[in-house]
Amino acid sequence: MSVSSPTSSSTATTAPTQAELLDFVRRTASDAELIASLPLDPEGRTWVRLDGPGGSEAWLIGWPPGTGTGWHDHAESVGAFVTAAGELKENALAARLPTDGWKTLELTDGVDRERRLSAGKGRSFGRHHVHEVLNESSDRHAVSVHAYYPPLSRIRRYSRSGQTLRLEQVERPEDWQ
């Protein structure tokens, strides 16, 4: 389902910056009517595609208690997300990873970062940013708004055991749309 958000801009002729994506997701997350319109499922994440600024891809995502993304990156896309309701936790790696040609990496000490993002809080990130996003609540849904530019061409999924990060799967848009 595609929803046109009143906060999106279809007249931009240049690629949106990370700051512009963050501004868009912040404004969209403050649209209480839009946030309330997302159907929430007690078992799995739900999402609705939005019109993002400057040709970006945007999503409104509902997170049931105890759900998460697993470790992943957005390949060549930059992005931003903001929690609109509830709280999300982001675990991220503060390390520049090789972009291709590897299956297993040993991470160095000190690369782990953790952020707790309550309603209204968010962040932007660059290309090849490896992270996982979690709703650790045992009884409350969370809702967030995400935007990516260029639109996602692939998502790389990883498993992690201690300091070992392993590339498990590469998804293409047809896998999630």
N, C-alpha and C. Protein backbone atom coordinates (compact mmCIF):
# COMPACT_ATOMS: atom_id res chain seq x y z
N MET A 1 0.84 -1.16 0.00
CA MET A 1 0.00 0.00 0.00
C MET A 1 0.89 1.23 0.00
N SER A 2 0.59 2.20 -0.80
CA SER A 2 1.35 3.45 -0.86
C SER A 2 0.47 4.58 -0.36
N VAL A 3 0.99 5.36 0.55
CA VAL A 3 0.24 6.46 1.12
C VAL A 3 1.00 7.74 0.84
N SER A 4 0.31 8.75 0.37
CA SER A 4 0.95 10.04 0.15
C SER A 4 0.89 10.82 1.44
N SER A 5 2.04 11.13 1.98
CA SER A 5 2.10 11.87 3.23
C SER A 5 2.04 13.36 2.95
N PRO A 6 1.29 14.11 3.76
CA PRO A 6 1.23 15.54 3.54
C PRO A 6 2.56 16.23 3.79
N THR A 7 3.51 15.54 4.39
CA THR A 7 4.80 16.15 4.68
C THR A 7 5.84 15.84 3.62
N SER A 8 5.46 15.07 2.59
CA SER A 8 6.44 14.74 1.56
C SER A 8 6.50 15.84 0.51
N SER A 9 7.62 15.85 -0.20
CA SER A 9 7.81 16.83 -1.25
C SER A 9 8.09 16.11 -2.55
N SER A 10 7.29 16.36 -3.58
CA SER A 10 7.50 15.70 -4.85
C SER A 10 8.15 16.63 -5.86
N THR A 11 8.53 17.83 -5.44
CA THR A 11 9.10 18.79 -6.37
C THR A 11 10.62 18.88 -6.28
N ALA A 12 11.24 18.17 -5.37
CA ALA A 12 12.70 18.23 -5.23
C ALA A 12 13.37 17.67 -6.48
N THR A 13 14.42 18.36 -6.94
CA THR A 13 15.12 17.90 -8.13
C THR A 13 16.50 17.36 -7.80
N THR A 14 16.95 17.49 -6.56
CA THR A 14 18.24 16.96 -6.16
C THR A 14 18.03 15.87 -5.11
N ALA A 15 19.03 15.01 -5.00
CA ALA A 15 18.95 13.93 -4.02
C ALA A 15 18.85 14.51 -2.62
N PRO A 16 17.94 13.99 -1.80
CA PRO A 16 17.85 14.49 -0.42
C PRO A 16 19.08 14.09 0.39
N THR A 17 19.50 14.97 1.26
CA THR A 17 20.62 14.70 2.16
C THR A 17 20.12 13.90 3.37
N GLN A 18 21.07 13.39 4.16
CA GLN A 18 20.69 12.71 5.40
C GLN A 18 19.89 13.66 6.29
N ALA A 19 20.29 14.92 6.36
CA ALA A 19 19.58 15.89 7.20
C ALA A 19 18.16 16.10 6.70
N GLU A 20 17.97 16.14 5.39
CA GLU A 20 16.63 16.31 4.84
C GLU A 20 15.77 15.08 5.09
N LEU A 21 16.36 13.90 5.00
CA LEU A 21 15.62 12.68 5.33
C LEU A 21 15.21 12.68 6.79
N LEU A 22 16.13 13.10 7.67
CA LEU A 22 15.81 13.16 9.10
C LEU A 22 14.70 14.16 9.36
N ASP A 23 14.75 15.31 8.72
CA ASP A 23 13.69 16.30 8.87
C ASP A 23 12.35 15.73 8.42
N PHE A 24 12.34 15.04 7.28
CA PHE A 24 11.11 14.42 6.77
C PHE A 24 10.54 13.41 7.76
N VAL A 25 11.39 12.48 8.28
CA VAL A 25 10.85 11.46 9.18
C VAL A 25 10.39 12.08 10.50
N ARG A 26 11.06 13.14 10.95
CA ARG A 26 10.60 13.83 12.17
C ARG A 26 9.22 14.45 11.96
N ARG A 27 9.06 15.17 10.85
CA ARG A 27 7.76 15.80 10.58
C ARG A 27 6.67 14.76 10.40
N THR A 28 6.99 13.69 9.70
CA THR A 28 5.99 12.64 9.47
C THR A 28 5.63 11.94 10.77
N ALA A 29 6.62 11.68 11.63
CA ALA A 29 6.36 11.02 12.91
C ALA A 29 5.49 11.86 13.82
N SER A 30 5.45 13.17 13.60
CA SER A 30 4.61 14.04 14.43
C SER A 30 3.18 14.13 13.92
N ASP A 31 2.87 13.47 12.81
CA ASP A 31 1.51 13.46 12.25
C ASP A 31 0.70 12.38 12.96
N ALA A 32 0.03 12.78 14.04
CA ALA A 32 -0.68 11.83 14.90
C ALA A 32 -1.73 11.03 14.14
N GLU A 33 -2.42 11.65 13.21
CA GLU A 33 -3.45 10.95 12.44
C GLU A 33 -2.83 9.85 11.57
N LEU A 34 -1.73 10.16 10.92
CA LEU A 34 -1.04 9.15 10.10
C LEU A 34 -0.55 8.00 10.97
N ILE A 35 0.07 8.32 12.10
CA ILE A 35 0.61 7.27 12.98
C ILE A 35 -0.51 6.37 13.48
N ALA A 36 -1.64 6.97 13.85
CA ALA A 36 -2.78 6.19 14.35
C ALA A 36 -3.43 5.34 13.26
N SER A 37 -3.20 5.67 11.99
CA SER A 37 -3.82 4.93 10.89
C SER A 37 -3.13 3.60 10.58
N LEU A 38 -1.93 3.40 11.12
CA LEU A 38 -1.19 2.17 10.83
C LEU A 38 -1.85 0.99 11.53
N PRO A 39 -2.25 -0.04 10.79
CA PRO A 39 -2.79 -1.24 11.45
C PRO A 39 -1.66 -1.95 12.21
N LEU A 40 -1.94 -2.31 13.45
CA LEU A 40 -0.94 -2.99 14.28
C LEU A 40 -1.32 -4.45 14.45
N ASP A 41 -0.35 -5.32 14.29
CA ASP A 41 -0.54 -6.76 14.40
C ASP A 41 0.18 -7.23 15.66
N PRO A 42 -0.48 -8.02 16.52
CA PRO A 42 0.19 -8.47 17.75
C PRO A 42 1.32 -9.46 17.49
N GLU A 43 1.40 -10.04 16.31
CA GLU A 43 2.38 -11.08 16.04
C GLU A 43 3.60 -10.61 15.24
N GLY A 44 3.43 -9.72 14.30
CA GLY A 44 4.53 -9.35 13.43
C GLY A 44 4.51 -7.88 13.06
N ARG A 45 5.62 -7.42 12.50
CA ARG A 45 5.71 -6.03 12.10
C ARG A 45 4.74 -5.76 10.95
N THR A 46 4.23 -4.54 10.91
CA THR A 46 3.38 -4.08 9.83
C THR A 46 4.03 -2.85 9.23
N TRP A 47 3.74 -2.56 7.96
CA TRP A 47 4.34 -1.39 7.33
C TRP A 47 3.45 -0.87 6.22
N VAL A 48 3.60 0.41 5.98
CA VAL A 48 2.93 1.10 4.89
C VAL A 48 3.98 1.96 4.20
N ARG A 49 4.04 1.89 2.89
CA ARG A 49 4.99 2.72 2.16
C ARG A 49 4.45 4.14 2.03
N LEU A 50 5.34 5.10 2.20
CA LEU A 50 5.00 6.52 2.10
C LEU A 50 5.77 7.15 0.95
N ASP A 51 5.31 8.30 0.50
CA ASP A 51 6.05 9.08 -0.49
C ASP A 51 7.08 9.91 0.24
N GLY A 52 8.35 9.62 0.02
CA GLY A 52 9.43 10.36 0.65
C GLY A 52 9.87 11.54 -0.21
N PRO A 53 10.70 12.40 0.34
CA PRO A 53 11.16 13.58 -0.40
C PRO A 53 12.17 13.23 -1.48
N GLY A 54 12.11 13.94 -2.60
CA GLY A 54 13.13 13.83 -3.64
C GLY A 54 13.33 12.44 -4.20
N GLY A 55 12.27 11.64 -4.29
CA GLY A 55 12.41 10.30 -4.83
C GLY A 55 12.90 9.27 -3.84
N SER A 56 12.93 9.61 -2.56
CA SER A 56 13.36 8.65 -1.54
C SER A 56 12.25 7.64 -1.26
N GLU A 57 12.64 6.56 -0.64
CA GLU A 57 11.71 5.52 -0.23
C GLU A 57 11.44 5.73 1.26
N ALA A 58 10.18 5.71 1.66
CA ALA A 58 9.84 5.94 3.07
C ALA A 58 8.83 4.89 3.53
N TRP A 59 8.89 4.59 4.82
CA TRP A 59 8.03 3.55 5.41
C TRP A 59 7.55 3.98 6.79
N LEU A 60 6.32 3.65 7.09
CA LEU A 60 5.74 3.73 8.43
C LEU A 60 5.70 2.29 8.92
N ILE A 61 6.34 2.00 10.05
CA ILE A 61 6.49 0.61 10.52
C ILE A 61 5.96 0.46 11.94
N GLY A 62 5.16 -0.59 12.15
CA GLY A 62 4.67 -0.95 13.48
C GLY A 62 5.45 -2.14 14.01
N TRP A 63 5.84 -2.04 15.27
CA TRP A 63 6.69 -3.04 15.92
C TRP A 63 5.95 -3.63 17.12
N PRO A 64 5.48 -4.88 17.05
CA PRO A 64 4.89 -5.49 18.24
C PRO A 64 5.94 -5.66 19.34
N PRO A 65 5.49 -5.84 20.58
CA PRO A 65 6.43 -6.07 21.67
C PRO A 65 7.37 -7.25 21.35
N GLY A 66 8.65 -7.06 21.65
CA GLY A 66 9.63 -8.12 21.50
C GLY A 66 10.11 -8.39 20.09
N THR A 67 9.83 -7.52 19.13
CA THR A 67 10.26 -7.76 17.75
C THR A 67 11.48 -6.93 17.39
N GLY A 68 12.15 -7.33 16.32
CA GLY A 68 13.31 -6.59 15.84
C GLY A 68 13.66 -6.98 14.43
N THR A 69 14.66 -6.30 13.90
CA THR A 69 15.06 -6.51 12.51
C THR A 69 16.14 -7.56 12.33
N GLY A 70 16.92 -7.83 13.35
CA GLY A 70 18.15 -8.57 13.16
C GLY A 70 19.20 -7.64 12.56
N TRP A 71 20.44 -8.05 12.56
CA TRP A 71 21.53 -7.23 12.03
C TRP A 71 21.39 -7.12 10.52
N HIS A 72 21.53 -5.90 9.99
CA HIS A 72 21.41 -5.65 8.56
C HIS A 72 22.03 -4.31 8.19
N ASP A 73 22.16 -4.08 6.89
CA ASP A 73 22.49 -2.74 6.41
C ASP A 73 21.63 -2.45 5.19
N HIS A 74 21.71 -1.22 4.71
CA HIS A 74 20.89 -0.78 3.58
C HIS A 74 21.76 -0.53 2.35
N ALA A 75 22.90 -1.21 2.28
CA ALA A 75 23.82 -1.15 1.15
C ALA A 75 24.17 0.29 0.81
N GLU A 76 23.90 0.72 -0.41
CA GLU A 76 24.33 2.03 -0.89
C GLU A 76 23.41 3.19 -0.49
N SER A 77 22.35 2.91 0.22
CA SER A 77 21.40 3.97 0.60
C SER A 77 21.79 4.63 1.91
N VAL A 78 21.58 5.94 1.99
CA VAL A 78 21.64 6.65 3.26
C VAL A 78 20.23 6.65 3.82
N GLY A 79 20.08 6.92 5.10
CA GLY A 79 18.74 6.84 5.67
C GLY A 79 18.59 7.61 6.96
N ALA A 80 17.36 7.58 7.44
CA ALA A 80 17.01 8.20 8.73
C ALA A 80 15.76 7.51 9.25
N PHE A 81 15.65 7.47 10.57
CA PHE A 81 14.40 6.99 11.16
C PHE A 81 14.15 7.69 12.48
N VAL A 82 12.86 7.77 12.83
CA VAL A 82 12.42 8.41 14.06
C VAL A 82 11.34 7.53 14.68
N THR A 83 11.39 7.35 15.99
CA THR A 83 10.33 6.65 16.70
C THR A 83 9.15 7.61 16.85
N ALA A 84 7.98 7.16 16.44
CA ALA A 84 6.77 7.99 16.53
C ALA A 84 5.96 7.65 17.77
N ALA A 85 6.03 6.40 18.23
CA ALA A 85 5.31 5.96 19.43
C ALA A 85 6.11 4.83 20.06
N GLY A 86 6.06 4.76 21.40
CA GLY A 86 6.80 3.71 22.09
C GLY A 86 8.28 4.05 22.17
N GLU A 87 9.11 3.01 22.25
CA GLU A 87 10.56 3.19 22.29
C GLU A 87 11.22 2.08 21.49
N LEU A 88 12.24 2.45 20.74
CA LEU A 88 13.06 1.48 20.01
C LEU A 88 14.49 1.55 20.50
N LYS A 89 15.18 0.44 20.39
CA LYS A 89 16.61 0.38 20.71
C LYS A 89 17.34 0.08 19.41
N GLU A 90 18.42 0.82 19.16
CA GLU A 90 19.27 0.54 18.01
C GLU A 90 20.63 0.10 18.51
N ASN A 91 21.07 -1.07 18.08
CA ASN A 91 22.44 -1.53 18.26
C ASN A 91 23.12 -1.32 16.92
N ALA A 92 24.27 -0.68 16.92
CA ALA A 92 24.96 -0.37 15.67
C ALA A 92 26.45 -0.66 15.82
N LEU A 93 27.11 -0.76 14.69
CA LEU A 93 28.56 -0.94 14.65
C LEU A 93 29.21 0.35 14.19
N ALA A 94 30.13 0.87 14.98
CA ALA A 94 30.89 2.06 14.62
C ALA A 94 32.16 1.60 13.92
N ALA A 95 31.97 0.99 12.76
CA ALA A 95 33.10 0.46 11.99
C ALA A 95 32.74 0.51 10.52
N ARG A 96 33.70 0.84 9.71
CA ARG A 96 33.51 0.82 8.26
C ARG A 96 33.80 -0.59 7.78
N LEU A 97 32.78 -1.25 7.24
CA LEU A 97 32.95 -2.62 6.78
C LEU A 97 33.24 -2.64 5.29
N PRO A 98 33.93 -3.68 4.83
CA PRO A 98 34.08 -3.81 3.38
C PRO A 98 32.69 -3.92 2.75
N THR A 99 32.52 -3.38 1.55
CA THR A 99 31.19 -3.36 0.96
C THR A 99 30.81 -4.68 0.29
N ASP A 100 31.77 -5.40 -0.24
CA ASP A 100 31.47 -6.66 -0.93
C ASP A 100 32.66 -7.60 -0.82
N GLY A 101 32.42 -8.87 -1.17
CA GLY A 101 33.51 -9.83 -1.26
C GLY A 101 33.89 -10.49 0.04
N TRP A 102 33.03 -10.47 1.04
CA TRP A 102 33.35 -11.14 2.30
C TRP A 102 32.14 -11.87 2.82
N LYS A 103 32.35 -12.88 3.64
CA LYS A 103 31.26 -13.63 4.27
C LYS A 103 31.34 -13.56 5.80
N THR A 104 32.57 -13.45 6.35
CA THR A 104 32.74 -13.45 7.79
C THR A 104 33.79 -12.40 8.17
N LEU A 105 33.48 -11.62 9.21
CA LEU A 105 34.41 -10.62 9.72
C LEU A 105 34.55 -10.78 11.22
N GLU A 106 35.77 -10.56 11.72
CA GLU A 106 36.00 -10.49 13.15
C GLU A 106 36.01 -9.01 13.52
N LEU A 107 35.08 -8.61 14.39
CA LEU A 107 34.97 -7.21 14.80
C LEU A 107 35.95 -6.91 15.92
N THR A 108 36.45 -5.71 15.94
CA THR A 108 37.36 -5.30 17.00
C THR A 108 36.56 -4.85 18.22
N ASP A 109 37.21 -4.80 19.36
CA ASP A 109 36.56 -4.31 20.57
C ASP A 109 36.23 -2.83 20.41
N GLY A 110 35.15 -2.41 21.04
CA GLY A 110 34.80 -1.00 21.05
C GLY A 110 33.99 -0.51 19.87
N VAL A 111 33.53 -1.40 19.00
CA VAL A 111 32.75 -0.96 17.83
C VAL A 111 31.25 -0.90 18.10
N ASP A 112 30.81 -1.47 19.21
CA ASP A 112 29.37 -1.52 19.48
C ASP A 112 28.85 -0.19 20.03
N ARG A 113 27.71 0.23 19.49
CA ARG A 113 27.01 1.43 19.95
C ARG A 113 25.56 1.07 20.22
N GLU A 114 24.98 1.68 21.24
CA GLU A 114 23.58 1.44 21.60
C GLU A 114 22.88 2.78 21.76
N ARG A 115 21.69 2.88 21.20
CA ARG A 115 20.86 4.09 21.36
C ARG A 115 19.45 3.66 21.74
N ARG A 116 18.87 4.38 22.66
CA ARG A 116 17.46 4.20 22.99
C ARG A 116 16.72 5.40 22.44
N LEU A 117 15.74 5.12 21.61
CA LEU A 117 15.02 6.17 20.90
C LEU A 117 13.55 6.17 21.31
N SER A 118 13.21 7.08 22.21
CA SER A 118 11.81 7.23 22.62
C SER A 118 11.07 8.05 21.57
N ALA A 119 9.78 8.20 21.74
CA ALA A 119 8.95 8.93 20.76
C ALA A 119 9.56 10.31 20.49
N GLY A 120 9.70 10.63 19.21
CA GLY A 120 10.27 11.91 18.78
C GLY A 120 11.77 11.88 18.58
N LYS A 121 12.42 10.81 18.98
CA LYS A 121 13.88 10.70 18.84
C LYS A 121 14.23 9.84 17.63
N GLY A 122 15.31 10.18 16.98
CA GLY A 122 15.73 9.41 15.82
C GLY A 122 17.15 9.73 15.43
N ARG A 123 17.52 9.29 14.23
CA ARG A 123 18.88 9.50 13.76
C ARG A 123 18.94 9.28 12.26
N SER A 124 20.00 9.81 11.68
CA SER A 124 20.29 9.53 10.28
C SER A 124 21.56 8.69 10.23
N PHE A 125 21.82 8.08 9.07
CA PHE A 125 23.01 7.25 8.94
C PHE A 125 23.44 7.20 7.48
N GLY A 126 24.71 6.87 7.29
CA GLY A 126 25.29 6.81 5.96
C GLY A 126 25.19 5.44 5.32
N ARG A 127 25.81 5.33 4.17
CA ARG A 127 25.84 4.06 3.43
C ARG A 127 26.55 2.98 4.25
N HIS A 128 26.09 1.75 4.07
CA HIS A 128 26.71 0.56 4.67
C HIS A 128 26.68 0.59 6.20
N HIS A 129 25.72 1.28 6.79
CA HIS A 129 25.56 1.34 8.24
C HIS A 129 24.94 0.03 8.72
N VAL A 130 25.67 -0.73 9.53
CA VAL A 130 25.19 -2.01 10.03
C VAL A 130 24.55 -1.79 11.40
N HIS A 131 23.28 -2.24 11.52
CA HIS A 131 22.59 -2.08 12.79
C HIS A 131 21.46 -3.10 12.92
N GLU A 132 20.88 -3.12 14.10
CA GLU A 132 19.63 -3.83 14.34
C GLU A 132 18.75 -2.91 15.16
N VAL A 133 17.44 -3.00 14.92
CA VAL A 133 16.47 -2.16 15.62
C VAL A 133 15.51 -3.09 16.33
N LEU A 134 15.23 -2.79 17.62
CA LEU A 134 14.43 -3.67 18.46
C LEU A 134 13.37 -2.90 19.24
N ASN A 135 12.22 -3.53 19.41
CA ASN A 135 11.23 -3.07 20.38
C ASN A 135 11.34 -4.03 21.56
N GLU A 136 12.02 -3.60 22.60
CA GLU A 136 12.24 -4.48 23.75
C GLU A 136 11.10 -4.47 24.76
N SER A 137 10.07 -3.69 24.51
CA SER A 137 8.93 -3.67 25.42
C SER A 137 8.26 -5.05 25.46
N SER A 138 7.77 -5.41 26.61
CA SER A 138 7.05 -6.68 26.74
C SER A 138 5.55 -6.52 26.51
N ASP A 139 5.08 -5.25 26.45
CA ASP A 139 3.63 -5.07 26.36
C ASP A 139 3.17 -3.88 25.51
N ARG A 140 4.07 -3.23 24.81
CA ARG A 140 3.67 -2.03 24.07
C ARG A 140 4.25 -2.02 22.65
N HIS A 141 3.38 -1.73 21.70
CA HIS A 141 3.85 -1.53 20.32
C HIS A 141 4.70 -0.27 20.23
N ALA A 142 5.56 -0.25 19.25
CA ALA A 142 6.27 0.96 18.87
C ALA A 142 5.94 1.21 17.40
N VAL A 143 6.03 2.48 16.99
CA VAL A 143 5.81 2.86 15.60
C VAL A 143 6.95 3.79 15.22
N SER A 144 7.46 3.62 13.99
CA SER A 144 8.55 4.47 13.53
C SER A 144 8.35 4.82 12.06
N VAL A 145 9.08 5.88 11.65
CA VAL A 145 9.08 6.34 10.26
C VAL A 145 10.51 6.27 9.76
N HIS A 146 10.71 5.71 8.55
CA HIS A 146 12.02 5.50 7.96
C HIS A 146 12.04 6.08 6.56
N ALA A 147 13.20 6.59 6.13
CA ALA A 147 13.37 7.07 4.75
C ALA A 147 14.77 6.72 4.27
N TYR A 148 14.88 6.35 2.99
CA TYR A 148 16.15 5.93 2.40
C TYR A 148 16.32 6.54 1.02
N TYR A 149 17.56 6.96 0.72
CA TYR A 149 17.87 7.43 -0.62
C TYR A 149 19.29 6.99 -0.99
N PRO A 150 19.48 6.47 -2.19
CA PRO A 150 18.43 6.15 -3.15
C PRO A 150 17.53 5.05 -2.60
N PRO A 151 16.36 4.84 -3.22
CA PRO A 151 15.49 3.76 -2.75
C PRO A 151 16.28 2.46 -2.62
N LEU A 152 15.88 1.65 -1.67
CA LEU A 152 16.64 0.44 -1.34
C LEU A 152 16.74 -0.51 -2.53
N SER A 153 17.97 -0.81 -2.92
CA SER A 153 18.20 -1.79 -3.98
C SER A 153 18.51 -3.17 -3.40
N ARG A 154 18.95 -3.17 -2.14
CA ARG A 154 19.21 -4.42 -1.45
C ARG A 154 19.38 -4.15 0.04
N ILE A 155 19.11 -5.17 0.82
CA ILE A 155 19.38 -5.18 2.26
C ILE A 155 20.22 -6.42 2.51
N ARG A 156 21.35 -6.22 3.17
CA ARG A 156 22.20 -7.35 3.52
C ARG A 156 21.91 -7.72 4.97
N ARG A 157 21.62 -9.00 5.20
CA ARG A 157 21.29 -9.51 6.53
C ARG A 157 22.49 -10.29 7.08
N TYR A 158 22.74 -10.07 8.38
CA TYR A 158 23.90 -10.67 9.04
C TYR A 158 23.46 -11.45 10.28
N SER A 159 24.29 -12.40 10.67
CA SER A 159 24.17 -13.02 11.99
C SER A 159 25.39 -12.58 12.77
N ARG A 160 25.24 -12.60 14.08
CA ARG A 160 26.36 -12.19 14.92
C ARG A 160 26.48 -13.14 16.09
N SER A 161 27.72 -13.59 16.32
CA SER A 161 28.04 -14.41 17.47
C SER A 161 29.29 -13.82 18.09
N GLY A 162 29.14 -13.18 19.24
CA GLY A 162 30.27 -12.50 19.87
C GLY A 162 30.79 -11.42 18.94
N GLN A 163 32.08 -11.52 18.60
CA GLN A 163 32.70 -10.52 17.73
C GLN A 163 32.71 -10.95 16.25
N THR A 164 32.03 -12.05 15.94
CA THR A 164 31.99 -12.54 14.57
C THR A 164 30.69 -12.12 13.90
N LEU A 165 30.84 -11.41 12.78
CA LEU A 165 29.71 -10.98 11.96
C LEU A 165 29.75 -11.78 10.67
N ARG A 166 28.62 -12.40 10.31
CA ARG A 166 28.58 -13.25 9.12
C ARG A 166 27.45 -12.78 8.20
N LEU A 167 27.80 -12.57 6.93
CA LEU A 167 26.79 -12.24 5.92
C LEU A 167 25.97 -13.49 5.65
N GLU A 168 24.65 -13.38 5.84
CA GLU A 168 23.77 -14.55 5.69
C GLU A 168 22.93 -14.50 4.42
N GLN A 169 22.48 -13.30 4.04
CA GLN A 169 21.52 -13.21 2.95
C GLN A 169 21.52 -11.81 2.37
N VAL A 170 21.25 -11.71 1.08
CA VAL A 170 21.06 -10.42 0.43
C VAL A 170 19.64 -10.40 -0.11
N GLU A 171 18.84 -9.43 0.34
CA GLU A 171 17.46 -9.31 -0.11
C GLU A 171 17.35 -8.19 -1.14
N ARG A 172 16.45 -8.34 -2.06
CA ARG A 172 16.14 -7.35 -3.08
C ARG A 172 14.73 -6.82 -2.83
N PRO A 173 14.35 -5.70 -3.43
CA PRO A 173 13.02 -5.11 -3.17
C PRO A 173 11.85 -6.08 -3.32
N GLU A 174 11.91 -7.00 -4.27
CA GLU A 174 10.81 -7.94 -4.45
C GLU A 174 10.64 -8.86 -3.25
N ASP A 175 11.65 -8.94 -2.38
CA ASP A 175 11.56 -9.79 -1.18
C ASP A 175 10.76 -9.14 -0.06
N TRP A 176 10.60 -7.82 -0.07
CA TRP A 176 9.88 -7.17 1.03
C TRP A 176 8.73 -6.28 0.60
N GLN A 177 8.53 -6.08 -0.68
CA GLN A 177 7.44 -5.18 -1.10
C GLN A 177 6.19 -5.94 -1.45
